[in-house]
Amino acid sequence: MQGRTTISRAEGAVFEQGLRSFFAYRDLGVRAATGGAFGAHVIRAVPGTGAAPQWHTHDLGFQLVYVLRGWVTFTYEDIGEVTFRPGDSVLQPPGIRHVEVAHSEDLELLEITSPADFATAVTEAPPALPGSSP
């Protein structure tokens, strides 16, 4: 038998502290449903806290971010600084050096990863960054 249909309801959803202290994370049940092959969660900014910019990489095969509300600005080693608004998405390549520069107080985004659990490593900024992209 294949896995069961998995539902995650907004009503009564719980957001918990996770990788970044200035974000709260809501697990959508994908990790458990796929045995950790994939993860999906909604991330919200914690009001009154700002970004703590730190260059880093993630050891994973797939990472997609889709902005639901507010805005967030990242800098990527290959394309420079980009601000994302509702409806914007980014597919971050495996191992790409990046840094979150700033976000709005009302930021809410969906992140999908594979695998669900992955390592994050702090790294140095790239030696030269390209100009900003649209």
Protein backbone atom coordinates (compact mmCIF):
# COMPACT_ATOMS: atom_id res chain seq x y z
CA MET A 1 0.00 0.00 0.00
CA GLN A 2 1.19 3.51 -0.82
CA GLY A 3 1.16 6.32 1.72
CA ARG A 4 -2.01 7.92 3.00
CA THR A 5 -3.41 11.26 1.85
CA THR A 6 -1.93 13.89 4.17
CA ILE A 7 -3.82 17.02 5.23
CA SER A 8 -2.53 20.01 7.18
CA ARG A 9 -5.20 22.51 8.24
CA ALA A 10 -4.55 26.22 8.79
CA GLU A 11 -7.03 26.37 11.67
CA GLY A 12 -5.17 25.63 14.87
CA ALA A 13 -1.82 25.33 13.10
CA VAL A 14 1.24 25.45 15.34
CA PHE A 15 4.34 27.46 14.43
CA GLU A 16 7.56 26.48 16.21
CA GLN A 17 11.09 27.80 16.44
CA GLY A 18 13.39 26.23 13.87
CA LEU A 19 16.60 26.86 11.96
CA ARG A 20 16.44 30.66 12.31
CA SER A 21 15.35 32.34 15.56
CA PHE A 22 13.68 35.23 13.68
CA PHE A 23 11.35 32.79 11.87
CA ALA A 24 8.59 30.47 13.09
CA TYR A 25 7.98 27.23 11.19
CA ARG A 26 4.80 25.22 10.54
CA ASP A 27 5.45 21.64 9.45
CA LEU A 28 2.90 20.62 6.80
CA GLY A 29 3.25 16.88 7.48
CA VAL A 30 5.21 16.09 4.32
CA ARG A 31 8.30 14.91 6.24
CA ALA A 32 6.32 12.24 8.05
CA ALA A 33 4.27 11.26 4.99
CA THR A 34 7.37 10.75 2.81
CA GLY A 35 9.66 9.22 5.41
CA GLY A 36 11.85 12.33 5.25
CA ALA A 37 12.36 12.28 1.47
CA PHE A 38 10.67 15.69 1.24
CA GLY A 39 9.83 18.52 3.60
CA ALA A 40 7.33 21.36 3.32
CA HIS A 41 6.66 24.10 5.78
CA VAL A 42 5.27 27.58 6.04
CA ILE A 43 7.71 30.09 7.51
CA ARG A 44 6.60 33.32 9.20
CA ALA A 45 8.65 36.25 10.42
CA VAL A 46 8.66 36.59 14.20
CA PRO A 47 7.38 40.14 14.85
CA GLY A 48 9.93 42.48 16.39
CA THR A 49 12.92 40.53 15.13
CA GLY A 50 14.91 41.21 12.00
CA ALA A 51 17.19 39.17 9.82
CA ALA A 52 20.63 38.23 11.11
CA PRO A 53 22.50 38.15 7.79
CA GLN A 54 24.95 35.26 7.58
CA TRP A 55 26.27 33.65 4.40
CA HIS A 56 25.48 29.94 4.34
CA THR A 57 24.80 26.88 2.20
CA HIS A 58 22.39 23.97 2.51
CA ASP A 59 23.31 20.35 1.82
CA LEU A 60 20.22 19.22 -0.04
CA GLY A 61 19.08 18.26 -3.52
CA PHE A 62 16.07 20.56 -3.89
CA GLN A 63 14.88 23.82 -2.30
CA LEU A 64 11.96 25.91 -3.55
CA VAL A 65 10.74 29.05 -1.78
CA TYR A 66 7.40 30.71 -2.65
CA VAL A 67 6.41 34.02 -1.01
CA LEU A 68 2.84 34.08 0.31
CA ARG A 69 2.84 37.47 2.06
CA GLY A 70 5.23 40.36 2.69
CA TRP A 71 8.70 40.50 1.14
CA VAL A 72 12.18 39.08 1.63
CA THR A 73 15.56 40.06 0.17
CA PHE A 74 18.32 37.51 -0.46
CA THR A 75 21.75 37.80 -2.02
CA TYR A 76 22.95 34.81 -4.06
CA GLU A 77 26.53 34.20 -5.12
CA ASP A 78 25.51 33.75 -8.76
CA ILE A 79 22.91 36.49 -9.34
CA GLY A 80 23.36 39.06 -6.55
CA GLU A 81 20.60 40.69 -4.53
CA VAL A 82 16.94 39.93 -5.25
CA THR A 83 13.76 41.00 -3.44
CA PHE A 84 10.82 38.58 -3.57
CA ARG A 85 7.18 39.62 -3.10
CA PRO A 86 3.89 37.66 -2.94
CA GLY A 87 3.65 35.19 -5.82
CA ASP A 88 7.43 35.21 -6.45
CA SER A 89 9.44 32.02 -6.10
CA VAL A 90 13.05 30.92 -6.21
CA LEU A 91 14.55 27.50 -6.90
CA GLN A 92 17.85 27.60 -5.02
CA PRO A 93 20.47 25.27 -6.51
CA PRO A 94 22.07 22.71 -4.17
CA GLY A 95 24.98 24.22 -2.24
CA ILE A 96 24.49 27.80 -3.48
CA ARG A 97 25.99 30.40 -1.15
CA HIS A 98 23.30 32.87 -0.10
CA VAL A 99 22.29 35.24 2.66
CA GLU A 100 18.95 36.64 3.76
CA VAL A 101 19.43 40.41 3.95
CA ALA A 102 16.07 41.63 5.25
CA HIS A 103 12.37 40.78 5.43
CA SER A 104 9.06 42.44 6.25
CA GLU A 105 7.38 41.93 9.61
CA ASP A 106 4.48 40.16 7.86
CA LEU A 107 6.63 37.78 5.77
CA GLU A 108 5.10 34.37 5.17
CA LEU A 109 6.54 31.88 2.72
CA LEU A 110 6.28 28.25 1.68
CA GLU A 111 9.48 26.22 1.50
CA ILE A 112 9.74 22.75 -0.05
CA THR A 113 12.95 20.75 0.30
CA SER A 114 14.43 17.37 -0.45
CA PRO A 115 15.35 15.77 1.80
CA ALA A 116 13.32 17.13 4.71
CA ASP A 117 16.31 17.21 7.04
CA PHE A 118 19.52 18.76 5.75
CA ALA A 119 22.68 20.38 7.04
CA THR A 120 23.29 24.13 6.92
CA ALA A 121 26.86 25.41 6.93
CA VAL A 122 28.03 28.96 7.59
CA THR A 123 30.40 30.12 4.86
CA GLU A 124 32.39 33.13 3.74
CA ALA A 125 30.87 35.65 1.34
CA PRO A 126 31.81 34.99 -2.29
CA PRO A 127 34.78 37.06 -3.52
CA ALA A 128 32.78 39.04 -6.10
CA LEU A 129 29.05 39.41 -6.51
CA PRO A 130 27.25 40.13 -9.78
CA GLY A 131 24.88 43.10 -9.99
CA SER A 132 21.31 42.92 -8.79
CA SER A 133 18.79 41.03 -10.88
CA PRO A 134 15.24 42.19 -11.60
